[in-house]
Amino acid sequence: MRDWVKQAEVDAGSRNGLTSSEREELAALRRENRRLREDVDVLKRATAFFAKETR
């Protein structure tokens, strides 16, 4: 319950910290970043595989 009160104070602007919307945005950006890193890893592996196959 105490955390809810603190978060409500942050959202109201009477306390420093990340607002609820900022926390949601940060979580979404972290998910996207993780997915993009996985995509880059897959592409690196595919590039290495096809580079080996063409030799």
N, C-alpha and C. Protein backbone atom coordinates (compact mmCIF):
# COMPACT_ATOMS: atom_id res chain seq x y z
N MET A 1 0.83 -1.18 0.00
CA MET A 1 0.00 0.00 0.00
C MET A 1 0.88 1.25 0.00
N ARG A 2 1.97 1.21 0.74
CA ARG A 2 2.86 2.36 0.83
C ARG A 2 3.42 2.73 -0.55
N ASP A 3 3.74 1.71 -1.36
CA ASP A 3 4.27 1.97 -2.70
C ASP A 3 3.25 2.67 -3.58
N TRP A 4 1.98 2.30 -3.43
CA TRP A 4 0.93 2.95 -4.22
C TRP A 4 0.84 4.43 -3.88
N VAL A 5 0.95 4.74 -2.61
CA VAL A 5 0.88 6.14 -2.17
C VAL A 5 2.06 6.91 -2.74
N LYS A 6 3.25 6.33 -2.65
CA LYS A 6 4.44 6.99 -3.21
C LYS A 6 4.28 7.22 -4.70
N GLN A 7 3.79 6.20 -5.42
CA GLN A 7 3.61 6.35 -6.87
C GLN A 7 2.56 7.40 -7.18
N ALA A 8 1.52 7.48 -6.40
CA ALA A 8 0.49 8.50 -6.61
C ALA A 8 1.08 9.89 -6.39
N GLU A 9 1.96 10.03 -5.42
CA GLU A 9 2.62 11.33 -5.18
C GLU A 9 3.54 11.68 -6.34
N VAL A 10 4.24 10.71 -6.89
CA VAL A 10 5.10 10.96 -8.05
C VAL A 10 4.25 11.38 -9.23
N ASP A 11 3.15 10.65 -9.47
CA ASP A 11 2.27 10.97 -10.59
C ASP A 11 1.65 12.36 -10.44
N ALA A 12 1.40 12.77 -9.20
CA ALA A 12 0.81 14.09 -8.96
C ALA A 12 1.85 15.21 -9.05
N GLY A 13 3.12 14.83 -9.04
CA GLY A 13 4.17 15.84 -9.15
C GLY A 13 4.67 16.36 -7.82
N SER A 14 4.22 15.80 -6.74
CA SER A 14 4.66 16.28 -5.43
C SER A 14 5.88 15.50 -4.91
N ARG A 15 6.38 14.56 -5.70
CA ARG A 15 7.54 13.77 -5.31
C ARG A 15 8.36 13.46 -6.56
N ASN A 16 9.68 13.41 -6.40
CA ASN A 16 10.55 13.10 -7.53
C ASN A 16 10.51 11.61 -7.86
N GLY A 17 10.71 11.30 -9.13
CA GLY A 17 10.73 9.91 -9.58
C GLY A 17 10.05 9.75 -10.93
N LEU A 18 10.01 8.52 -11.39
CA LEU A 18 9.37 8.23 -12.67
C LEU A 18 7.87 8.09 -12.49
N THR A 19 7.12 8.76 -13.36
CA THR A 19 5.67 8.63 -13.31
C THR A 19 5.27 7.26 -13.86
N SER A 20 4.03 6.90 -13.68
CA SER A 20 3.54 5.61 -14.15
C SER A 20 3.70 5.49 -15.66
N SER A 21 3.39 6.55 -16.39
CA SER A 21 3.52 6.50 -17.85
C SER A 21 4.98 6.39 -18.27
N GLU A 22 5.87 7.05 -17.54
CA GLU A 22 7.29 6.94 -17.84
C GLU A 22 7.79 5.52 -17.56
N ARG A 23 7.30 4.92 -16.50
CA ARG A 23 7.68 3.53 -16.19
C ARG A 23 7.20 2.58 -17.29
N GLU A 24 5.98 2.78 -17.77
CA GLU A 24 5.44 1.95 -18.84
C GLU A 24 6.25 2.12 -20.11
N GLU A 25 6.59 3.36 -20.44
CA GLU A 25 7.38 3.63 -21.64
C GLU A 25 8.77 2.99 -21.52
N LEU A 26 9.39 3.11 -20.36
CA LEU A 26 10.70 2.51 -20.13
C LEU A 26 10.65 1.00 -20.29
N ALA A 27 9.63 0.37 -19.75
CA ALA A 27 9.48 -1.09 -19.88
C ALA A 27 9.30 -1.49 -21.34
N ALA A 28 8.50 -0.72 -22.08
CA ALA A 28 8.28 -1.01 -23.50
C ALA A 28 9.57 -0.84 -24.29
N LEU A 29 10.32 0.19 -23.99
CA LEU A 29 11.59 0.42 -24.69
C LEU A 29 12.60 -0.67 -24.37
N ARG A 30 12.61 -1.15 -23.14
CA ARG A 30 13.51 -2.24 -22.79
C ARG A 30 13.14 -3.52 -23.51
N ARG A 31 11.83 -3.80 -23.63
CA ARG A 31 11.39 -4.99 -24.38
C ARG A 31 11.80 -4.88 -25.84
N GLU A 32 11.58 -3.70 -26.42
CA GLU A 32 11.94 -3.50 -27.83
C GLU A 32 13.44 -3.63 -28.02
N ASN A 33 14.21 -3.07 -27.11
CA ASN A 33 15.67 -3.15 -27.19
C ASN A 33 16.13 -4.60 -27.14
N ARG A 34 15.55 -5.38 -26.24
CA ARG A 34 15.90 -6.80 -26.12
C ARG A 34 15.57 -7.55 -27.42
N ARG A 35 14.39 -7.26 -27.98
CA ARG A 35 13.99 -7.92 -29.23
C ARG A 35 14.92 -7.55 -30.37
N LEU A 36 15.29 -6.27 -30.45
CA LEU A 36 16.19 -5.83 -31.52
C LEU A 36 17.58 -6.44 -31.37
N ARG A 37 18.05 -6.58 -30.14
CA ARG A 37 19.35 -7.24 -29.92
C ARG A 37 19.29 -8.70 -30.37
N GLU A 38 18.19 -9.36 -30.10
CA GLU A 38 18.03 -10.75 -30.55
C GLU A 38 18.01 -10.81 -32.07
N ASP A 39 17.32 -9.87 -32.72
CA ASP A 39 17.28 -9.81 -34.18
C ASP A 39 18.67 -9.62 -34.76
N VAL A 40 19.45 -8.73 -34.17
CA VAL A 40 20.82 -8.48 -34.63
C VAL A 40 21.65 -9.75 -34.48
N ASP A 41 21.49 -10.46 -33.38
CA ASP A 41 22.24 -11.70 -33.17
C ASP A 41 21.89 -12.73 -34.24
N VAL A 42 20.62 -12.87 -34.55
CA VAL A 42 20.19 -13.82 -35.59
C VAL A 42 20.78 -13.41 -36.94
N LEU A 43 20.76 -12.14 -37.24
CA LEU A 43 21.29 -11.67 -38.52
C LEU A 43 22.80 -11.88 -38.61
N LYS A 44 23.50 -11.70 -37.50
CA LYS A 44 24.95 -11.95 -37.49
C LYS A 44 25.23 -13.42 -37.78
N ARG A 45 24.46 -14.31 -37.15
CA ARG A 45 24.64 -15.74 -37.38
C ARG A 45 24.33 -16.11 -38.83
N ALA A 46 23.26 -15.54 -39.37
CA ALA A 46 22.90 -15.83 -40.75
C ALA A 46 23.97 -15.32 -41.71
N THR A 47 24.51 -14.15 -41.44
CA THR A 47 25.56 -13.59 -42.28
C THR A 47 26.79 -14.49 -42.26
N ALA A 48 27.17 -14.95 -41.07
CA ALA A 48 28.33 -15.84 -40.96
C ALA A 48 28.08 -17.16 -41.70
N PHE A 49 26.85 -17.69 -41.59
CA PHE A 49 26.52 -18.94 -42.26
C PHE A 49 26.61 -18.78 -43.78
N PHE A 50 25.99 -17.73 -44.31
CA PHE A 50 25.98 -17.54 -45.76
C PHE A 50 27.35 -17.14 -46.29
N ALA A 51 28.14 -16.45 -45.50
CA ALA A 51 29.50 -16.11 -45.93
C ALA A 51 30.32 -17.39 -46.05
N LYS A 52 30.11 -18.33 -45.13
CA LYS A 52 30.84 -19.60 -45.17
C LYS A 52 30.38 -20.45 -46.35
N GLU A 53 29.08 -20.41 -46.66
CA GLU A 53 28.52 -21.21 -47.74
C GLU A 53 28.99 -20.73 -49.12
N THR A 54 29.26 -19.47 -49.28
CA THR A 54 29.62 -18.94 -50.60
C THR A 54 31.08 -19.16 -50.94
N ARG A 55 31.87 -19.61 -49.98
CA ARG A 55 33.31 -19.82 -50.24
C ARG A 55 33.57 -21.12 -50.90
